[in-house]
Amino acid sequence: MTTQKRGLGRGLEALLVDVAKPVKAKESVPTPHATLADDHAAIATIALMKAIQKENANLVKEVEALKDLLDDFEALVQNLNIDKPTL
């Protein structure tokens, strides 16, 4: 079993999720055979989906902040006329 990476270590897959469109949980239709355990499982599933959406939204904000820092740094380097190192 592998551990799930967090933050930028998760790779681009974390950025490919569309957090602008929240996932809507299917409304459960009460049936005569539904049990309390089914209700708890549905509530846990919805809570998990919301937690994942929140984490993805936080990752997008983190990436945007890092992009802004990179842009500011590149502007500073350009203003100071420092050449970029060549490989």
C-alpha atoms as a PDB file:
ATOM      1  CA  MET A   1       0.000   0.000   0.000  1.00  0.00           C
ATOM      2  CA  THR A   2       1.432   3.381  -0.967  1.00  0.00           C
ATOM      3  CA  THR A   3       1.048   6.554   1.011  1.00  0.00           C
ATOM      4  CA  GLN A   4      -0.663   9.444  -0.688  1.00  0.00           C
ATOM      5  CA  LYS A   5       1.517  12.492  -1.248  1.00  0.00           C
ATOM      6  CA  ARG A   6       0.293  15.922  -0.259  1.00  0.00           C
ATOM      7  CA  GLY A   7       0.898  19.361  -1.712  1.00  0.00           C
ATOM      8  CA  LEU A   8       3.076  19.854  -4.744  1.00  0.00           C
ATOM      9  CA  GLY A   9       4.554  16.367  -4.408  1.00  0.00           C
ATOM     10  CA  ARG A  10       1.315  14.901  -5.756  1.00  0.00           C
ATOM     11  CA  GLY A  11       2.145  16.002  -9.277  1.00  0.00           C
ATOM     12  CA  LEU A  12      -0.046  17.467 -11.966  1.00  0.00           C
ATOM     13  CA  GLU A  13      -2.923  15.080 -11.274  1.00  0.00           C
ATOM     14  CA  ALA A  14      -3.832  17.244  -8.279  1.00  0.00           C
ATOM     15  CA  LEU A  15      -4.203  20.272 -10.546  1.00  0.00           C
ATOM     16  CA  LEU A  16      -6.346  18.581 -13.157  1.00  0.00           C
ATOM     17  CA  VAL A  17      -9.424  18.338 -10.927  1.00  0.00           C
ATOM     18  CA  ASP A  18     -11.992  21.019 -11.667  1.00  0.00           C
ATOM     19  CA  VAL A  19     -12.718  22.508  -8.239  1.00  0.00           C
ATOM     20  CA  ALA A  20     -14.995  25.163  -9.719  1.00  0.00           C
ATOM     21  CA  LYS A  21     -17.697  22.544 -10.142  1.00  0.00           C
ATOM     22  CA  PRO A  22     -18.373  20.890  -6.799  1.00  0.00           C
ATOM     23  CA  VAL A  23     -19.442  17.281  -6.944  1.00  0.00           C
ATOM     24  CA  LYS A  24     -23.064  16.935  -5.975  1.00  0.00           C
ATOM     25  CA  ALA A  25     -23.996  13.966  -3.890  1.00  0.00           C
ATOM     26  CA  LYS A  26     -26.908  11.928  -5.097  1.00  0.00           C
ATOM     27  CA  GLU A  27     -29.932  12.426  -2.955  1.00  0.00           C
ATOM     28  CA  SER A  28     -30.811   9.203  -1.259  1.00  0.00           C
ATOM     29  CA  VAL A  29     -34.329   8.007  -1.701  1.00  0.00           C
ATOM     30  CA  PRO A  30     -35.664   6.412   1.442  1.00  0.00           C
ATOM     31  CA  THR A  31     -36.405   2.771   0.896  1.00  0.00           C
ATOM     32  CA  PRO A  32     -37.994   0.345   3.277  1.00  0.00           C
ATOM     33  CA  HIS A  33     -34.754  -1.652   3.347  1.00  0.00           C
ATOM     34  CA  ALA A  34     -32.453   1.284   4.181  1.00  0.00           C
ATOM     35  CA  THR A  35     -30.646   0.947   7.474  1.00  0.00           C
ATOM     36  CA  LEU A  36     -28.988   3.347   9.846  1.00  0.00           C
ATOM     37  CA  ALA A  37     -25.620   2.022   8.668  1.00  0.00           C
ATOM     38  CA  ASP A  38     -26.517   3.024   5.087  1.00  0.00           C
ATOM     39  CA  ASP A  39     -27.312   6.547   6.297  1.00  0.00           C
ATOM     40  CA  HIS A  40     -23.998   6.773   8.143  1.00  0.00           C
ATOM     41  CA  ALA A  41     -22.132   5.509   5.091  1.00  0.00           C
ATOM     42  CA  ALA A  42     -23.810   8.113   2.880  1.00  0.00           C
ATOM     43  CA  ILE A  43     -22.967  10.899   5.335  1.00  0.00           C
ATOM     44  CA  ALA A  44     -19.359   9.723   5.552  1.00  0.00           C
ATOM     45  CA  THR A  45     -19.108   9.593   1.756  1.00  0.00           C
ATOM     46  CA  ILE A  46     -20.398  13.154   1.391  1.00  0.00           C
ATOM     47  CA  ALA A  47     -18.019  14.384   4.102  1.00  0.00           C
ATOM     48  CA  LEU A  48     -15.099  12.694   2.341  1.00  0.00           C
ATOM     49  CA  MET A  49     -16.033  14.262  -1.022  1.00  0.00           C
ATOM     50  CA  LYS A  50     -16.207  17.728   0.580  1.00  0.00           C
ATOM     51  CA  ALA A  51     -12.825  17.227   2.268  1.00  0.00           C
ATOM     52  CA  ILE A  52     -11.232  16.199  -1.035  1.00  0.00           C
ATOM     53  CA  GLN A  53     -12.725  19.223  -2.814  1.00  0.00           C
ATOM     54  CA  LYS A  54     -11.400  21.514  -0.079  1.00  0.00           C
ATOM     55  CA  GLU A  55      -7.921  19.985  -0.327  1.00  0.00           C
ATOM     56  CA  ASN A  56      -7.936  20.391  -4.111  1.00  0.00           C
ATOM     57  CA  ALA A  57      -9.030  24.027  -3.777  1.00  0.00           C
ATOM     58  CA  ASN A  58      -6.196  24.610  -1.292  1.00  0.00           C
ATOM     59  CA  LEU A  59      -3.699  23.062  -3.711  1.00  0.00           C
ATOM     60  CA  VAL A  60      -4.862  25.365  -6.503  1.00  0.00           C
ATOM     61  CA  LYS A  61      -4.444  28.390  -4.215  1.00  0.00           C
ATOM     62  CA  GLU A  62      -0.964  27.184  -3.254  1.00  0.00           C
ATOM     63  CA  VAL A  63       0.054  26.791  -6.904  1.00  0.00           C
ATOM     64  CA  GLU A  64      -1.299  30.246  -7.762  1.00  0.00           C
ATOM     65  CA  ALA A  65       0.677  31.783  -4.875  1.00  0.00           C
ATOM     66  CA  LEU A  66       3.866  30.017  -5.982  1.00  0.00           C
ATOM     67  CA  LYS A  67       3.307  31.205  -9.560  1.00  0.00           C
ATOM     68  CA  ASP A  68       2.936  34.798  -8.284  1.00  0.00           C
ATOM     69  CA  LEU A  69       6.184  34.461  -6.304  1.00  0.00           C
ATOM     70  CA  LEU A  70       7.976  33.109  -9.361  1.00  0.00           C
ATOM     71  CA  ASP A  71       6.681  35.979 -11.505  1.00  0.00           C
ATOM     72  CA  ASP A  72       7.814  38.525  -8.881  1.00  0.00           C
ATOM     73  CA  PHE A  73      11.242  36.900  -8.673  1.00  0.00           C
ATOM     74  CA  GLU A  74      11.648  36.896 -12.466  1.00  0.00           C
ATOM     75  CA  ALA A  75      10.664  40.582 -12.581  1.00  0.00           C
ATOM     76  CA  LEU A  76      13.239  41.354  -9.880  1.00  0.00           C
ATOM     77  CA  VAL A  77      15.944  39.467 -11.749  1.00  0.00           C
ATOM     78  CA  GLN A  78      15.056  41.314 -14.935  1.00  0.00           C
ATOM     79  CA  ASN A  79      15.144  44.710 -13.169  1.00  0.00           C
ATOM     80  CA  LEU A  80      18.557  43.929 -11.693  1.00  0.00           C
ATOM     81  CA  ASN A  81      19.838  42.830 -15.124  1.00  0.00           C
ATOM     82  CA  ILE A  82      21.033  39.500 -13.783  1.00  0.00           C
ATOM     83  CA  ASP A  83      21.575  36.943 -16.513  1.00  0.00           C
ATOM     84  CA  LYS A  84      19.885  33.608 -16.143  1.00  0.00           C
ATOM     85  CA  PRO A  85      22.364  30.769 -15.755  1.00  0.00           C
ATOM     86  CA  THR A  86      22.726  28.530 -18.769  1.00  0.00           C
ATOM     87  CA  LEU A  87      22.921  24.788 -18.496  1.00  0.00           C
END
